[in-house]
């Protein structure tokens, strides 16, 4: 099996001083060291907190809310606007339920 160094990430967890660790290298190149990454739709950081994922979801919700403001200003009927808001709420609460937040 050949490791694709362009898609492979290394993340060090715990109380280890990473400045002393040499970079991880394979035959295809050096593996990128990251502080957080997306795994199965959930952002994971090196301290295993939910902060990175919550920031991502908050930014995504903020974009949707701005979209609703634009729709409201454009004169979209209230029943259509309520439908969009309901769909967003269902998606948000499903994410919260699955993440255990």
C-alpha atoms as a PDB file:
ATOM      1  CA  UNK A   1       0.000   0.000   0.000  1.00  0.00           C
ATOM      2  CA  UNK A   2       1.307   3.438  -0.927  1.00  0.00           C
ATOM      3  CA  UNK A   3       0.556   6.403   1.329  1.00  0.00           C
ATOM      4  CA  UNK A   4      -0.564   9.575  -0.445  1.00  0.00           C
ATOM      5  CA  UNK A   5       1.378  12.275   1.412  1.00  0.00           C
ATOM      6  CA  UNK A   6      -0.788  14.989  -0.162  1.00  0.00           C
ATOM      7  CA  UNK A   7      -3.917  13.652   1.548  1.00  0.00           C
ATOM      8  CA  UNK A   8      -2.364  12.307   4.748  1.00  0.00           C
ATOM      9  CA  UNK A   9      -2.238  14.501   7.867  1.00  0.00           C
ATOM     10  CA  UNK A  10      -0.443  14.072  11.161  1.00  0.00           C
ATOM     11  CA  UNK A  11      -1.867  15.433  14.411  1.00  0.00           C
ATOM     12  CA  UNK A  12      -0.098  15.061  17.748  1.00  0.00           C
ATOM     13  CA  UNK A  13      -2.417  14.836  20.757  1.00  0.00           C
ATOM     14  CA  UNK A  14      -1.452  15.231  24.364  1.00  0.00           C
ATOM     15  CA  UNK A  15       1.109  17.150  26.356  1.00  0.00           C
ATOM     16  CA  UNK A  16       4.034  16.529  24.060  1.00  0.00           C
ATOM     17  CA  UNK A  17       6.427  19.274  23.002  1.00  0.00           C
ATOM     18  CA  UNK A  18       6.092  18.995  19.231  1.00  0.00           C
ATOM     19  CA  UNK A  19       9.073  21.257  18.576  1.00  0.00           C
ATOM     20  CA  UNK A  20      11.357  18.339  19.529  1.00  0.00           C
ATOM     21  CA  UNK A  21       9.677  15.843  17.191  1.00  0.00           C
ATOM     22  CA  UNK A  22      11.068  15.442  13.680  1.00  0.00           C
ATOM     23  CA  UNK A  23       8.612  15.642  10.760  1.00  0.00           C
ATOM     24  CA  UNK A  24       7.049  12.380   9.627  1.00  0.00           C
ATOM     25  CA  UNK A  25       8.307  11.346   6.194  1.00  0.00           C
ATOM     26  CA  UNK A  26       7.356   8.579   3.785  1.00  0.00           C
ATOM     27  CA  UNK A  27       8.694   7.463   0.407  1.00  0.00           C
ATOM     28  CA  UNK A  28       6.256   9.838  -1.324  1.00  0.00           C
ATOM     29  CA  UNK A  29       7.138  12.902   0.767  1.00  0.00           C
ATOM     30  CA  UNK A  30       6.716  14.660   4.077  1.00  0.00           C
ATOM     31  CA  UNK A  31       3.404  14.337   5.986  1.00  0.00           C
ATOM     32  CA  UNK A  32       1.774  17.644   6.882  1.00  0.00           C
ATOM     33  CA  UNK A  33       1.399  18.290  10.640  1.00  0.00           C
ATOM     34  CA  UNK A  34      -1.920  19.969  11.526  1.00  0.00           C
ATOM     35  CA  UNK A  35      -3.645  21.244  14.677  1.00  0.00           C
ATOM     36  CA  UNK A  36      -7.157  20.247  13.538  1.00  0.00           C
ATOM     37  CA  UNK A  37      -8.837  18.318  10.715  1.00  0.00           C
ATOM     38  CA  UNK A  38     -12.238  17.169   9.546  1.00  0.00           C
ATOM     39  CA  UNK A  39     -13.023  13.518  10.245  1.00  0.00           C
ATOM     40  CA  UNK A  40     -16.376  12.101   9.091  1.00  0.00           C
ATOM     41  CA  UNK A  41     -17.911  15.589   9.031  1.00  0.00           C
ATOM     42  CA  UNK A  42     -16.732  16.606  12.506  1.00  0.00           C
ATOM     43  CA  UNK A  43     -13.764  18.872  13.155  1.00  0.00           C
ATOM     44  CA  UNK A  44     -11.288  17.401  15.639  1.00  0.00           C
ATOM     45  CA  UNK A  45      -8.489  19.400  17.261  1.00  0.00           C
ATOM     46  CA  UNK A  46      -5.383  18.308  19.112  1.00  0.00           C
ATOM     47  CA  UNK A  47      -6.909  18.884  22.569  1.00  0.00           C
ATOM     48  CA  UNK A  48     -10.087  16.933  21.632  1.00  0.00           C
ATOM     49  CA  UNK A  49     -12.393  19.873  22.387  1.00  0.00           C
ATOM     50  CA  UNK A  50     -15.442  20.794  20.340  1.00  0.00           C
ATOM     51  CA  UNK A  51     -14.391  24.424  19.869  1.00  0.00           C
ATOM     52  CA  UNK A  52     -13.170  24.006  16.290  1.00  0.00           C
ATOM     53  CA  UNK A  53     -16.373  22.226  15.241  1.00  0.00           C
ATOM     54  CA  UNK A  54     -18.598  24.747  17.046  1.00  0.00           C
ATOM     55  CA  UNK A  55     -16.798  27.627  15.290  1.00  0.00           C
ATOM     56  CA  UNK A  56     -17.387  25.910  11.943  1.00  0.00           C
ATOM     57  CA  UNK A  57     -21.108  25.352  12.625  1.00  0.00           C
ATOM     58  CA  UNK A  58     -21.529  28.918  13.929  1.00  0.00           C
ATOM     59  CA  UNK A  59     -19.953  30.367  10.791  1.00  0.00           C
ATOM     60  CA  UNK A  60     -22.179  28.181   8.620  1.00  0.00           C
ATOM     61  CA  UNK A  61     -25.318  29.257  10.517  1.00  0.00           C
ATOM     62  CA  UNK A  62     -24.267  32.906  10.284  1.00  0.00           C
ATOM     63  CA  UNK A  63     -24.075  32.628   6.498  1.00  0.00           C
ATOM     64  CA  UNK A  64     -27.570  31.107   6.412  1.00  0.00           C
ATOM     65  CA  UNK A  65     -28.988  33.848   8.624  1.00  0.00           C
ATOM     66  CA  UNK A  66     -27.538  36.479   6.321  1.00  0.00           C
ATOM     67  CA  UNK A  67     -29.188  34.649   3.427  1.00  0.00           C
ATOM     68  CA  UNK A  68     -32.535  34.854   5.265  1.00  0.00           C
ATOM     69  CA  UNK A  69     -32.111  38.593   5.769  1.00  0.00           C
ATOM     70  CA  UNK A  70     -31.490  39.025   2.050  1.00  0.00           C
ATOM     71  CA  UNK A  71     -34.576  36.922   1.234  1.00  0.00           C
ATOM     72  CA  UNK A  72     -36.705  38.927   3.647  1.00  0.00           C
ATOM     73  CA  UNK A  73     -35.528  42.239   2.178  1.00  0.00           C
ATOM     74  CA  UNK A  74     -36.254  41.009  -1.351  1.00  0.00           C
ATOM     75  CA  UNK A  75     -39.930  40.540  -0.501  1.00  0.00           C
ATOM     76  CA  UNK A  76     -40.148  36.762  -0.226  1.00  0.00           C
ATOM     77  CA  UNK A  77     -43.552  35.688   1.118  1.00  0.00           C
ATOM     78  CA  UNK A  78     -43.580  34.858   4.836  1.00  0.00           C
ATOM     79  CA  UNK A  79     -44.670  31.221   4.348  1.00  0.00           C
ATOM     80  CA  UNK A  80     -41.657  30.558   2.091  1.00  0.00           C
ATOM     81  CA  UNK A  81     -39.315  32.237   4.549  1.00  0.00           C
ATOM     82  CA  UNK A  82     -40.751  30.145   7.397  1.00  0.00           C
ATOM     83  CA  UNK A  83     -40.172  26.991   5.321  1.00  0.00           C
ATOM     84  CA  UNK A  84     -36.466  27.874   4.855  1.00  0.00           C
ATOM     85  CA  UNK A  85     -36.081  28.630   8.566  1.00  0.00           C
ATOM     86  CA  UNK A  86     -37.738  25.329   9.501  1.00  0.00           C
ATOM     87  CA  UNK A  87     -35.388  23.390   7.224  1.00  0.00           C
ATOM     88  CA  UNK A  88     -32.349  25.106   8.757  1.00  0.00           C
ATOM     89  CA  UNK A  89     -33.600  24.399  12.276  1.00  0.00           C
ATOM     90  CA  UNK A  90     -34.086  20.709  11.508  1.00  0.00           C
ATOM     91  CA  UNK A  91     -30.545  20.422  10.124  1.00  0.00           C
ATOM     92  CA  UNK A  92     -29.038  22.350  13.055  1.00  0.00           C
ATOM     93  CA  UNK A  93     -30.754  20.287  15.743  1.00  0.00           C
ATOM     94  CA  UNK A  94     -29.868  17.062  13.947  1.00  0.00           C
ATOM     95  CA  UNK A  95     -26.186  18.082  13.991  1.00  0.00           C
ATOM     96  CA  UNK A  96     -26.410  18.992  17.687  1.00  0.00           C
ATOM     97  CA  UNK A  97     -28.137  15.701  18.536  1.00  0.00           C
ATOM     98  CA  UNK A  98     -25.560  13.614  16.640  1.00  0.00           C
ATOM     99  CA  UNK A  99     -22.540  15.478  18.042  1.00  0.00           C
ATOM    100  CA  UNK A 100     -23.773  15.188  21.636  1.00  0.00           C
ATOM    101  CA  UNK A 101     -23.243  18.889  22.313  1.00  0.00           C
END
